Amino acid sequence: MNIDAKNLLNSILDSLSRIDYIKPQDLPNIDLYMDQVTTFMDAQLAVSKRHPEDKILTKTMINNYAKNKLLPPPVKKKYSREHLLALIFIYYFKHILSIGDIQAILNPIMDQYFSPDLDFNLEDIYSEVFCLEENEIQNLKKDITKKYQTSQQTFPDVSPEEQEDLQLFSFICMLSFDVYVKKQLIEKLIDTKSAGTPEEKA
């Protein structure tokens, strides 16, 4: 398969530009039933799907999160804005972390800041964290461009047919190593924070 290098990089950068987060003002001001929660999340995070048929959130997922004490129980079968914020955090974390690690990160936050009546609550934390997104996207674009350009200098002595596939493989390896190192760092931070306390088992 012939891959145009410039078009590939532009496609990757364009996809990064389309990444967005659910803004607090986009959250409904009324509590939602489970079906409404899954519909809302699917619509708001549709751009992050790999395939059109992928599901962002299902009833089974929500029930599992509750079972694993990641999500406080609904009130009269309805989920609040705070529940939605918790589900958004879980959605992003679950792609790289185990349930146990997500518990270690989120449970203390949920215990202390979940109530909307607090002067400083979960919505304030969410707003503070995700407002960094725009600058971080720009930093990621620069980093990915640099990695891509480096990968295009690899395997200079092979045939053009081999070079294309090997350079793509090189690029994937560089990105994968970056994810691996950052995952290791996150796990180290979690383990350090949890040192001296019994670990919850998923």
N, C-alpha and C. Protein backbone atom coordinates (compact mmCIF):
# COMPACT_ATOMS: atom_id res chain seq x y z
N MET A 1 0.86 -1.20 0.00
CA MET A 1 0.00 0.00 0.00
C MET A 1 0.88 1.24 0.00
N ASN A 2 0.66 2.11 -0.90
CA ASN A 2 1.44 3.33 -0.99
C ASN A 2 0.85 4.40 -0.09
N ILE A 3 1.65 4.88 0.86
CA ILE A 3 1.20 5.89 1.80
C ILE A 3 1.94 7.19 1.53
N ASP A 4 1.22 8.22 1.22
CA ASP A 4 1.84 9.53 1.01
C ASP A 4 2.23 10.11 2.36
N ALA A 5 3.54 10.33 2.55
CA ALA A 5 4.05 10.73 3.86
C ALA A 5 3.44 12.03 4.35
N LYS A 6 3.40 13.02 3.48
CA LYS A 6 2.88 14.32 3.88
C LYS A 6 1.40 14.24 4.22
N ASN A 7 0.63 13.50 3.42
CA ASN A 7 -0.80 13.36 3.69
C ASN A 7 -1.05 12.60 4.99
N LEU A 8 -0.21 11.60 5.27
CA LEU A 8 -0.36 10.84 6.52
C LEU A 8 -0.16 11.75 7.73
N LEU A 9 0.90 12.53 7.71
CA LEU A 9 1.16 13.43 8.82
C LEU A 9 0.04 14.46 8.97
N ASN A 10 -0.39 15.03 7.85
CA ASN A 10 -1.47 16.01 7.91
C ASN A 10 -2.76 15.40 8.45
N SER A 11 -3.03 14.17 8.08
CA SER A 11 -4.23 13.48 8.57
C SER A 11 -4.15 13.29 10.08
N ILE A 12 -2.97 12.93 10.57
CA ILE A 12 -2.78 12.74 12.02
C ILE A 12 -2.97 14.06 12.75
N LEU A 13 -2.38 15.11 12.25
CA LEU A 13 -2.48 16.41 12.91
C LEU A 13 -3.92 16.94 12.86
N ASP A 14 -4.60 16.69 11.75
CA ASP A 14 -6.00 17.11 11.65
C ASP A 14 -6.86 16.38 12.68
N SER A 15 -6.59 15.10 12.86
CA SER A 15 -7.37 14.34 13.85
C SER A 15 -7.14 14.87 15.25
N LEU A 16 -5.92 15.31 15.54
CA LEU A 16 -5.65 15.92 16.84
C LEU A 16 -6.42 17.22 17.02
N SER A 17 -6.54 17.97 15.94
CA SER A 17 -7.26 19.25 16.02
C SER A 17 -8.74 19.04 16.31
N ARG A 18 -9.26 17.86 15.94
CA ARG A 18 -10.68 17.58 16.17
C ARG A 18 -10.96 17.05 17.57
N ILE A 19 -9.90 16.72 18.28
CA ILE A 19 -10.10 16.23 19.65
C ILE A 19 -10.66 17.37 20.50
N ASP A 20 -11.71 17.07 21.20
CA ASP A 20 -12.34 18.07 22.06
C ASP A 20 -12.78 17.39 23.34
N TYR A 21 -13.12 18.18 24.33
CA TYR A 21 -13.63 17.62 25.57
C TYR A 21 -15.02 18.18 25.83
N ILE A 22 -15.75 17.50 26.68
CA ILE A 22 -17.09 17.96 27.02
C ILE A 22 -16.96 19.10 28.01
N LYS A 23 -17.40 20.26 27.59
CA LYS A 23 -17.28 21.44 28.45
C LYS A 23 -18.38 21.43 29.52
N PRO A 24 -18.08 21.95 30.70
CA PRO A 24 -19.09 21.95 31.77
C PRO A 24 -20.42 22.56 31.34
N GLN A 25 -20.37 23.59 30.51
CA GLN A 25 -21.61 24.23 30.08
C GLN A 25 -22.42 23.34 29.13
N ASP A 26 -21.77 22.28 28.60
CA ASP A 26 -22.49 21.35 27.73
C ASP A 26 -23.23 20.26 28.50
N LEU A 27 -22.94 20.15 29.79
CA LEU A 27 -23.61 19.13 30.60
C LEU A 27 -25.05 19.53 30.87
N PRO A 28 -25.97 18.59 30.83
CA PRO A 28 -27.37 18.92 31.12
C PRO A 28 -27.54 19.39 32.56
N ASN A 29 -28.47 20.28 32.75
CA ASN A 29 -28.74 20.82 34.10
C ASN A 29 -29.79 20.01 34.84
N ILE A 30 -30.19 18.90 34.26
CA ILE A 30 -31.15 18.02 34.92
C ILE A 30 -30.52 16.64 35.05
N ASP A 31 -30.96 15.88 36.02
CA ASP A 31 -30.48 14.51 36.18
C ASP A 31 -31.03 13.62 35.07
N LEU A 32 -30.25 12.62 34.69
CA LEU A 32 -30.60 11.78 33.55
C LEU A 32 -30.77 10.32 33.96
N TYR A 33 -31.67 9.63 33.26
CA TYR A 33 -31.75 8.19 33.39
C TYR A 33 -30.61 7.56 32.58
N MET A 34 -30.35 6.28 32.84
CA MET A 34 -29.20 5.62 32.23
C MET A 34 -29.21 5.72 30.70
N ASP A 35 -30.34 5.48 30.07
CA ASP A 35 -30.41 5.57 28.61
C ASP A 35 -30.02 6.96 28.12
N GLN A 36 -30.44 7.97 28.85
CA GLN A 36 -30.10 9.34 28.48
C GLN A 36 -28.61 9.61 28.66
N VAL A 37 -28.02 8.99 29.69
CA VAL A 37 -26.58 9.15 29.94
C VAL A 37 -25.78 8.55 28.78
N THR A 38 -26.12 7.33 28.37
CA THR A 38 -25.38 6.69 27.28
C THR A 38 -25.55 7.45 25.97
N THR A 39 -26.75 7.96 25.73
CA THR A 39 -27.00 8.75 24.51
C THR A 39 -26.19 10.03 24.52
N PHE A 40 -26.17 10.71 25.66
CA PHE A 40 -25.41 11.96 25.78
C PHE A 40 -23.93 11.73 25.56
N MET A 41 -23.37 10.74 26.23
CA MET A 41 -21.94 10.47 26.12
C MET A 41 -21.56 10.05 24.70
N ASP A 42 -22.40 9.25 24.08
CA ASP A 42 -22.13 8.79 22.72
C ASP A 42 -22.11 9.96 21.74
N ALA A 43 -23.02 10.89 21.93
CA ALA A 43 -23.08 12.06 21.04
C ALA A 43 -21.90 13.00 21.27
N GLN A 44 -21.57 13.23 22.52
CA GLN A 44 -20.54 14.21 22.85
C GLN A 44 -19.13 13.72 22.51
N LEU A 45 -18.90 12.42 22.60
CA LEU A 45 -17.56 11.88 22.38
C LEU A 45 -17.47 11.08 21.08
N ALA A 46 -18.40 11.29 20.18
CA ALA A 46 -18.43 10.53 18.92
C ALA A 46 -17.15 10.68 18.12
N VAL A 47 -16.52 11.85 18.19
CA VAL A 47 -15.33 12.10 17.39
C VAL A 47 -14.17 11.20 17.82
N SER A 48 -14.21 10.67 19.03
CA SER A 48 -13.12 9.83 19.51
C SER A 48 -13.28 8.36 19.13
N LYS A 49 -14.38 8.01 18.46
CA LYS A 49 -14.58 6.62 18.05
C LYS A 49 -13.58 6.23 16.96
N ARG A 50 -13.09 5.01 17.08
CA ARG A 50 -12.24 4.48 16.01
C ARG A 50 -13.08 4.02 14.84
N HIS A 51 -14.21 3.35 15.16
CA HIS A 51 -15.14 2.88 14.14
C HIS A 51 -16.53 3.43 14.45
N PRO A 52 -17.33 3.72 13.42
CA PRO A 52 -18.65 4.31 13.65
C PRO A 52 -19.54 3.49 14.58
N GLU A 53 -19.37 2.16 14.53
CA GLU A 53 -20.24 1.30 15.35
C GLU A 53 -19.78 1.17 16.79
N ASP A 54 -18.61 1.72 17.12
CA ASP A 54 -18.11 1.63 18.49
C ASP A 54 -19.04 2.35 19.46
N LYS A 55 -19.12 1.83 20.68
CA LYS A 55 -19.92 2.44 21.72
C LYS A 55 -19.02 3.15 22.73
N ILE A 56 -19.35 4.38 23.03
CA ILE A 56 -18.59 5.13 24.02
C ILE A 56 -18.88 4.59 25.42
N LEU A 57 -20.15 4.33 25.68
CA LEU A 57 -20.58 3.92 27.02
C LEU A 57 -21.83 3.05 26.88
N THR A 58 -21.89 2.00 27.67
CA THR A 58 -23.06 1.13 27.65
C THR A 58 -23.60 0.97 29.08
N LYS A 59 -24.80 0.41 29.17
CA LYS A 59 -25.37 0.14 30.49
C LYS A 59 -24.49 -0.82 31.28
N THR A 60 -23.96 -1.82 30.60
CA THR A 60 -23.09 -2.78 31.27
C THR A 60 -21.86 -2.11 31.85
N MET A 61 -21.26 -1.19 31.08
CA MET A 61 -20.09 -0.46 31.58
C MET A 61 -20.44 0.32 32.84
N ILE A 62 -21.55 1.05 32.79
CA ILE A 62 -21.96 1.85 33.95
C ILE A 62 -22.18 0.96 35.17
N ASN A 63 -22.85 -0.17 34.97
CA ASN A 63 -23.08 -1.09 36.08
C ASN A 63 -21.77 -1.64 36.63
N ASN A 64 -20.81 -1.93 35.74
CA ASN A 64 -19.51 -2.43 36.19
C ASN A 64 -18.74 -1.36 36.97
N TYR A 65 -18.85 -0.11 36.52
CA TYR A 65 -18.17 0.96 37.25
C TYR A 65 -18.75 1.11 38.65
N ALA A 66 -20.07 1.00 38.75
CA ALA A 66 -20.72 1.08 40.06
C ALA A 66 -20.32 -0.11 40.93
N LYS A 67 -20.28 -1.29 40.32
CA LYS A 67 -19.90 -2.51 41.05
C LYS A 67 -18.49 -2.40 41.59
N ASN A 68 -17.60 -1.79 40.82
CA ASN A 68 -16.20 -1.62 41.24
C ASN A 68 -15.98 -0.35 42.05
N LYS A 69 -17.09 0.28 42.45
CA LYS A 69 -17.05 1.47 43.31
C LYS A 69 -16.28 2.63 42.67
N LEU A 70 -16.33 2.68 41.34
CA LEU A 70 -15.77 3.82 40.63
C LEU A 70 -16.78 4.94 40.50
N LEU A 71 -18.05 4.58 40.55
CA LEU A 71 -19.12 5.53 40.33
C LEU A 71 -20.11 5.47 41.49
N PRO A 72 -20.38 6.60 42.13
CA PRO A 72 -21.39 6.59 43.20
C PRO A 72 -22.75 6.16 42.64
N PRO A 73 -23.58 5.54 43.46
CA PRO A 73 -24.88 5.07 42.96
C PRO A 73 -25.77 6.23 42.53
N PRO A 74 -26.64 6.01 41.55
CA PRO A 74 -27.58 7.06 41.13
C PRO A 74 -28.61 7.30 42.22
N VAL A 75 -29.23 8.45 42.15
CA VAL A 75 -30.31 8.79 43.09
C VAL A 75 -31.64 8.60 42.37
N LYS A 76 -32.42 7.64 42.86
CA LYS A 76 -33.71 7.31 42.23
C LYS A 76 -33.52 7.02 40.74
N LYS A 77 -32.46 6.25 40.45
CA LYS A 77 -32.14 5.80 39.10
C LYS A 77 -31.73 6.94 38.16
N LYS A 78 -31.41 8.10 38.72
CA LYS A 78 -30.99 9.23 37.90
C LYS A 78 -29.54 9.62 38.21
N TYR A 79 -28.87 10.06 37.17
CA TYR A 79 -27.45 10.41 37.26
C TYR A 79 -27.29 11.93 37.14
N SER A 80 -26.49 12.50 38.01
CA SER A 80 -26.30 13.95 38.08
C SER A 80 -25.15 14.40 37.17
N ARG A 81 -24.93 15.70 37.14
CA ARG A 81 -23.78 16.25 36.41
C ARG A 81 -22.48 15.65 36.94
N GLU A 82 -22.43 15.45 38.26
CA GLU A 82 -21.23 14.90 38.88
C GLU A 82 -20.98 13.46 38.40
N HIS A 83 -22.05 12.70 38.24
CA HIS A 83 -21.91 11.36 37.68
C HIS A 83 -21.32 11.43 36.26
N LEU A 84 -21.81 12.36 35.47
CA LEU A 84 -21.32 12.50 34.09
C LEU A 84 -19.84 12.86 34.08
N LEU A 85 -19.45 13.76 34.97
CA LEU A 85 -18.04 14.16 35.04
C LEU A 85 -17.17 12.96 35.42
N ALA A 86 -17.64 12.17 36.38
CA ALA A 86 -16.90 10.97 36.78
C ALA A 86 -16.77 10.01 35.61
N LEU A 87 -17.84 9.83 34.85
CA LEU A 87 -17.81 8.93 33.70
C LEU A 87 -16.84 9.41 32.61
N ILE A 88 -16.73 10.71 32.46
CA ILE A 88 -15.79 11.26 31.47
C ILE A 88 -14.35 10.95 31.89
N PHE A 89 -14.04 11.17 33.17
CA PHE A 89 -12.70 10.82 33.66
C PHE A 89 -12.42 9.34 33.44
N ILE A 90 -13.39 8.49 33.80
CA ILE A 90 -13.22 7.04 33.64
C ILE A 90 -12.98 6.70 32.17
N TYR A 91 -13.73 7.34 31.28
CA TYR A 91 -13.60 7.06 29.85
C TYR A 91 -12.16 7.27 29.37
N TYR A 92 -11.55 8.36 29.78
CA TYR A 92 -10.18 8.63 29.34
C TYR A 92 -9.17 7.72 30.02
N PHE A 93 -9.34 7.49 31.31
CA PHE A 93 -8.39 6.66 32.04
C PHE A 93 -8.41 5.20 31.58
N LYS A 94 -9.59 4.68 31.24
CA LYS A 94 -9.72 3.23 31.01
C LYS A 94 -8.93 2.75 29.79
N HIS A 95 -8.54 3.65 28.92
CA HIS A 95 -7.80 3.23 27.74
C HIS A 95 -6.36 2.84 28.06
N ILE A 96 -5.86 3.28 29.21
CA ILE A 96 -4.46 2.98 29.53
C ILE A 96 -4.26 2.39 30.92
N LEU A 97 -5.27 2.47 31.79
CA LEU A 97 -5.08 2.04 33.17
C LEU A 97 -6.05 0.92 33.55
N SER A 98 -5.64 0.12 34.53
CA SER A 98 -6.50 -0.93 35.06
C SER A 98 -7.58 -0.32 35.94
N ILE A 99 -8.62 -1.12 36.22
CA ILE A 99 -9.68 -0.67 37.12
C ILE A 99 -9.09 -0.31 38.48
N GLY A 100 -8.16 -1.12 38.96
CA GLY A 100 -7.54 -0.84 40.26
C GLY A 100 -6.81 0.49 40.29
N ASP A 101 -6.10 0.81 39.20
CA ASP A 101 -5.39 2.09 39.15
C ASP A 101 -6.37 3.26 39.05
N ILE A 102 -7.44 3.07 38.29
CA ILE A 102 -8.45 4.14 38.20
C ILE A 102 -9.09 4.36 39.56
N GLN A 103 -9.34 3.29 40.29
CA GLN A 103 -9.86 3.42 41.65
C GLN A 103 -8.92 4.25 42.52
N ALA A 104 -7.63 3.94 42.42
CA ALA A 104 -6.65 4.64 43.25
C ALA A 104 -6.60 6.13 42.94
N ILE A 105 -6.83 6.47 41.67
CA ILE A 105 -6.81 7.88 41.27
C ILE A 105 -8.12 8.59 41.62
N LEU A 106 -9.23 7.96 41.25
CA LEU A 106 -10.52 8.64 41.31
C LEU A 106 -11.23 8.57 42.66
N ASN A 107 -11.10 7.44 43.36
CA ASN A 107 -11.88 7.29 44.59
C ASN A 107 -11.64 8.39 45.61
N PRO A 108 -10.39 8.79 45.85
CA PRO A 108 -10.18 9.90 46.80
C PRO A 108 -10.82 11.21 46.32
N ILE A 109 -10.80 11.43 45.00
CA ILE A 109 -11.42 12.64 44.45
C ILE A 109 -12.93 12.58 44.61
N MET A 110 -13.51 11.41 44.29
CA MET A 110 -14.95 11.24 44.44
C MET A 110 -15.39 11.42 45.90
N ASP A 111 -14.62 10.83 46.82
CA ASP A 111 -14.97 10.90 48.23
C ASP A 111 -14.98 12.33 48.75
N GLN A 112 -14.06 13.13 48.25
CA GLN A 112 -13.90 14.48 48.81
C GLN A 112 -14.65 15.57 48.06
N TYR A 113 -14.84 15.40 46.75
CA TYR A 113 -15.31 16.52 45.94
C TYR A 113 -16.59 16.25 45.16
N PHE A 114 -17.21 15.09 45.33
CA PHE A 114 -18.35 14.72 44.49
C PHE A 114 -19.58 15.60 44.70
N SER A 115 -19.80 16.08 45.91
CA SER A 115 -21.01 16.85 46.20
C SER A 115 -21.00 18.20 45.49
N PRO A 116 -22.09 18.55 44.80
CA PRO A 116 -22.15 19.85 44.11
C PRO A 116 -22.30 21.03 45.08
N ASP A 117 -22.60 20.75 46.32
CA ASP A 117 -22.82 21.82 47.30
C ASP A 117 -21.54 22.35 47.91
N LEU A 118 -20.42 21.72 47.60
CA LEU A 118 -19.14 22.17 48.15
C LEU A 118 -18.69 23.45 47.45
N ASP A 119 -17.90 24.26 48.17
CA ASP A 119 -17.36 25.48 47.56
C ASP A 119 -16.40 25.14 46.42
N PHE A 120 -15.70 24.02 46.57
CA PHE A 120 -14.80 23.55 45.52
C PHE A 120 -15.15 22.09 45.27
N ASN A 121 -15.65 21.79 44.07
CA ASN A 121 -16.19 20.46 43.83
C ASN A 121 -15.62 19.83 42.56
N LEU A 122 -16.20 18.69 42.18
CA LEU A 122 -15.71 17.93 41.04
C LEU A 122 -15.74 18.74 39.75
N GLU A 123 -16.75 19.56 39.56
CA GLU A 123 -16.83 20.36 38.35
C GLU A 123 -15.69 21.37 38.28
N ASP A 124 -15.30 21.93 39.42
CA ASP A 124 -14.16 22.85 39.44
C ASP A 124 -12.87 22.13 39.05
N ILE A 125 -12.69 20.92 39.56
CA ILE A 125 -11.50 20.13 39.21
C ILE A 125 -11.49 19.81 37.72
N TYR A 126 -12.63 19.37 37.21
CA TYR A 126 -12.76 19.04 35.80
C TYR A 126 -12.41 20.25 34.92
N SER A 127 -12.97 21.39 35.26
CA SER A 127 -12.73 22.61 34.48
C SER A 127 -11.26 22.99 34.48
N GLU A 128 -10.63 22.88 35.64
CA GLU A 128 -9.21 23.24 35.76
C GLU A 128 -8.34 22.31 34.92
N VAL A 129 -8.61 21.03 34.99
CA VAL A 129 -7.79 20.04 34.28
C VAL A 129 -7.97 20.15 32.77
N PHE A 130 -9.20 20.23 32.31
CA PHE A 130 -9.43 20.17 30.88
C PHE A 130 -9.22 21.50 30.16
N CYS A 131 -9.11 22.59 30.91
CA CYS A 131 -8.80 23.86 30.25
C CYS A 131 -7.37 23.87 29.73
N LEU A 132 -6.55 22.92 30.18
CA LEU A 132 -5.18 22.81 29.69
C LEU A 132 -5.11 22.14 28.31
N GLU A 133 -6.24 21.61 27.87
CA GLU A 133 -6.27 20.78 26.66
C GLU A 133 -5.72 21.49 25.44
N GLU A 134 -6.10 22.73 25.20
CA GLU A 134 -5.71 23.40 23.96
C GLU A 134 -4.20 23.53 23.83
N ASN A 135 -3.53 23.97 24.92
CA ASN A 135 -2.07 24.08 24.88
C ASN A 135 -1.42 22.72 24.72
N GLU A 136 -1.99 21.71 25.39
CA GLU A 136 -1.41 20.38 25.32
C GLU A 136 -1.52 19.81 23.90
N ILE A 137 -2.62 20.09 23.22
CA ILE A 137 -2.77 19.63 21.84
C ILE A 137 -1.67 20.22 20.96
N GLN A 138 -1.39 21.49 21.15
CA GLN A 138 -0.33 22.13 20.36
C GLN A 138 1.03 21.49 20.64
N ASN A 139 1.29 21.18 21.91
CA ASN A 139 2.54 20.52 22.27
C ASN A 139 2.62 19.13 21.65
N LEU A 140 1.51 18.42 21.65
CA LEU A 140 1.47 17.08 21.07
C LEU A 140 1.72 17.14 19.56
N LYS A 141 1.15 18.12 18.90
CA LYS A 141 1.36 18.27 17.45
C LYS A 141 2.85 18.44 17.14
N LYS A 142 3.52 19.27 17.91
CA LYS A 142 4.95 19.49 17.70
C LYS A 142 5.74 18.21 17.94
N ASP A 143 5.39 17.51 19.01
CA ASP A 143 6.11 16.29 19.36
C ASP A 143 5.90 15.20 18.31
N ILE A 144 4.66 15.04 17.86
CA ILE A 144 4.36 14.03 16.85
C ILE A 144 5.04 14.36 15.52
N THR A 145 5.02 15.63 15.16
CA THR A 145 5.70 16.05 13.92
C THR A 145 7.18 15.73 13.99
N LYS A 146 7.80 16.00 15.13
CA LYS A 146 9.23 15.71 15.30
C LYS A 146 9.49 14.21 15.20
N LYS A 147 8.66 13.40 15.85
CA LYS A 147 8.84 11.94 15.78
C LYS A 147 8.66 11.45 14.35
N TYR A 148 7.68 12.00 13.67
CA TYR A 148 7.43 11.58 12.29
C TYR A 148 8.63 11.92 11.40
N GLN A 149 9.13 13.13 11.55
CA GLN A 149 10.28 13.53 10.73
C GLN A 149 11.50 12.66 11.02
N THR A 150 11.68 12.29 12.28
CA THR A 150 12.78 11.40 12.65
C THR A 150 12.60 10.02 12.00
N SER A 151 11.36 9.52 12.03
CA SER A 151 11.11 8.20 11.45
C SER A 151 11.37 8.18 9.95
N GLN A 152 11.18 9.32 9.29
CA GLN A 152 11.39 9.38 7.84
C GLN A 152 12.87 9.36 7.45
N GLN A 153 13.74 9.47 8.46
CA GLN A 153 15.17 9.39 8.19
C GLN A 153 15.74 8.00 8.44
N THR A 154 14.89 7.09 8.89
CA THR A 154 15.37 5.75 9.21
C THR A 154 15.42 4.85 7.96
N PHE A 155 16.20 3.79 8.06
CA PHE A 155 16.34 2.78 7.00
C PHE A 155 16.67 3.40 5.64
N PRO A 156 17.73 4.21 5.58
CA PRO A 156 18.05 4.86 4.30
C PRO A 156 18.61 3.92 3.24
N ASP A 157 19.07 2.73 3.65
CA ASP A 157 19.78 1.86 2.71
C ASP A 157 18.93 0.73 2.14
N VAL A 158 17.66 0.69 2.49
CA VAL A 158 16.80 -0.36 1.95
C VAL A 158 16.09 0.15 0.69
N SER A 159 15.43 -0.76 0.01
CA SER A 159 14.73 -0.38 -1.21
C SER A 159 13.54 0.52 -0.86
N PRO A 160 13.09 1.35 -1.80
CA PRO A 160 11.95 2.24 -1.54
C PRO A 160 10.70 1.47 -1.09
N GLU A 161 10.51 0.28 -1.64
CA GLU A 161 9.33 -0.50 -1.27
C GLU A 161 9.40 -0.93 0.19
N GLU A 162 10.58 -1.36 0.62
CA GLU A 162 10.76 -1.75 2.02
C GLU A 162 10.77 -0.53 2.94
N GLN A 163 11.36 0.54 2.45
CA GLN A 163 11.54 1.72 3.28
C GLN A 163 10.22 2.28 3.79
N GLU A 164 9.23 2.31 2.93
CA GLU A 164 7.94 2.88 3.31
C GLU A 164 7.36 2.16 4.52
N ASP A 165 7.32 0.82 4.45
CA ASP A 165 6.75 0.04 5.55
C ASP A 165 7.61 0.14 6.80
N LEU A 166 8.93 0.12 6.63
CA LEU A 166 9.83 0.16 7.78
C LEU A 166 9.79 1.52 8.48
N GLN A 167 9.67 2.57 7.70
CA GLN A 167 9.58 3.90 8.30
C GLN A 167 8.26 4.08 9.06
N LEU A 168 7.19 3.52 8.51
CA LEU A 168 5.92 3.56 9.23
C LEU A 168 6.02 2.77 10.53
N PHE A 169 6.67 1.60 10.45
CA PHE A 169 6.88 0.79 11.65
C PHE A 169 7.72 1.57 12.67
N SER A 170 8.73 2.26 12.21
CA SER A 170 9.58 3.07 13.08
C SER A 170 8.76 4.15 13.79
N PHE A 171 7.90 4.80 13.04
CA PHE A 171 7.03 5.85 13.61
C PHE A 171 6.10 5.27 14.67
N ILE A 172 5.50 4.13 14.37
CA ILE A 172 4.61 3.48 15.34
C ILE A 172 5.38 3.10 16.60
N CYS A 173 6.60 2.59 16.44
CA CYS A 173 7.41 2.21 17.60
C CYS A 173 7.74 3.42 18.47
N MET A 174 8.06 4.54 17.85
CA MET A 174 8.37 5.74 18.61
C MET A 174 7.15 6.21 19.42
N LEU A 175 5.99 6.20 18.78
CA LEU A 175 4.77 6.60 19.47
C LEU A 175 4.44 5.62 20.59
N SER A 176 4.63 4.34 20.32
CA SER A 176 4.33 3.31 21.31
C SER A 176 5.25 3.42 22.52
N PHE A 177 6.52 3.68 22.27
CA PHE A 177 7.47 3.84 23.37
C PHE A 177 7.09 5.03 24.24
N ASP A 178 6.65 6.10 23.60
CA ASP A 178 6.22 7.29 24.33
C ASP A 178 5.05 6.96 25.25
N VAL A 179 4.07 6.23 24.72
CA VAL A 179 2.91 5.82 25.53
C VAL A 179 3.36 4.90 26.66
N TYR A 180 4.26 3.96 26.35
CA TYR A 180 4.75 3.01 27.35
C TYR A 180 5.42 3.73 28.52
N VAL A 181 6.31 4.67 28.20
CA VAL A 181 7.03 5.38 29.25
C VAL A 181 6.07 6.20 30.11
N LYS A 182 5.10 6.86 29.48
CA LYS A 182 4.16 7.67 30.25
C LYS A 182 3.24 6.80 31.11
N LYS A 183 2.88 5.64 30.59
CA LYS A 183 2.07 4.71 31.38
C LYS A 183 2.86 4.24 32.60
N GLN A 184 4.14 3.93 32.39
CA GLN A 184 5.00 3.53 33.51
C GLN A 184 5.09 4.63 34.55
N LEU A 185 5.19 5.87 34.09
CA LEU A 185 5.27 7.00 35.00
C LEU A 185 3.99 7.16 35.81
N ILE A 186 2.84 7.04 35.13
CA ILE A 186 1.55 7.15 35.82
C ILE A 186 1.44 6.06 36.89
N GLU A 187 1.80 4.83 36.53
CA GLU A 187 1.72 3.73 37.49
C GLU A 187 2.65 3.95 38.67
N LYS A 188 3.84 4.51 38.42
CA LYS A 188 4.78 4.81 39.50
C LYS A 188 4.20 5.87 40.44
N LEU A 189 3.57 6.88 39.87
CA LEU A 189 2.95 7.93 40.69
C LEU A 189 1.83 7.35 41.56
N ILE A 190 1.02 6.46 40.96
CA ILE A 190 -0.07 5.83 41.70
C ILE A 190 0.49 4.97 42.83
N ASP A 191 1.52 4.18 42.53
CA ASP A 191 2.11 3.30 43.54
C ASP A 191 2.74 4.11 44.67
N THR A 192 3.38 5.22 44.31
CA THR A 192 4.00 6.07 45.33
C THR A 192 2.94 6.67 46.24
N LYS A 193 1.86 7.15 45.64
CA LYS A 193 0.78 7.75 46.43
C LYS A 193 0.11 6.71 47.32
N SER A 194 0.01 5.48 46.81
CA SER A 194 -0.69 4.43 47.54
C SER A 194 0.20 3.69 48.55
N ALA A 195 1.48 4.04 48.57
CA ALA A 195 2.42 3.33 49.45
C ALA A 195 1.95 3.42 50.90
N GLY A 196 1.96 2.28 51.55
CA GLY A 196 1.57 2.25 52.96
C GLY A 196 0.10 2.05 53.20
N THR A 197 -0.71 2.00 52.10
CA THR A 197 -2.15 1.77 52.25
C THR A 197 -2.51 0.50 51.50
N PRO A 198 -3.47 -0.26 52.00
CA PRO A 198 -3.86 -1.49 51.31
C PRO A 198 -4.38 -1.19 49.92
N GLU A 199 -3.94 -1.92 48.93
CA GLU A 199 -4.42 -1.71 47.57
C GLU A 199 -5.77 -2.37 47.38
N GLU A 200 -6.66 -1.67 46.72
CA GLU A 200 -7.96 -2.26 46.40
C GLU A 200 -7.80 -3.18 45.21
N LYS A 201 -8.44 -4.31 45.28
CA LYS A 201 -8.39 -5.28 44.19
C LYS A 201 -9.61 -5.10 43.29
N ALA A 202 -9.37 -5.12 41.99
CA ALA A 202 -10.48 -4.98 41.05
C ALA A 202 -11.37 -6.20 41.13
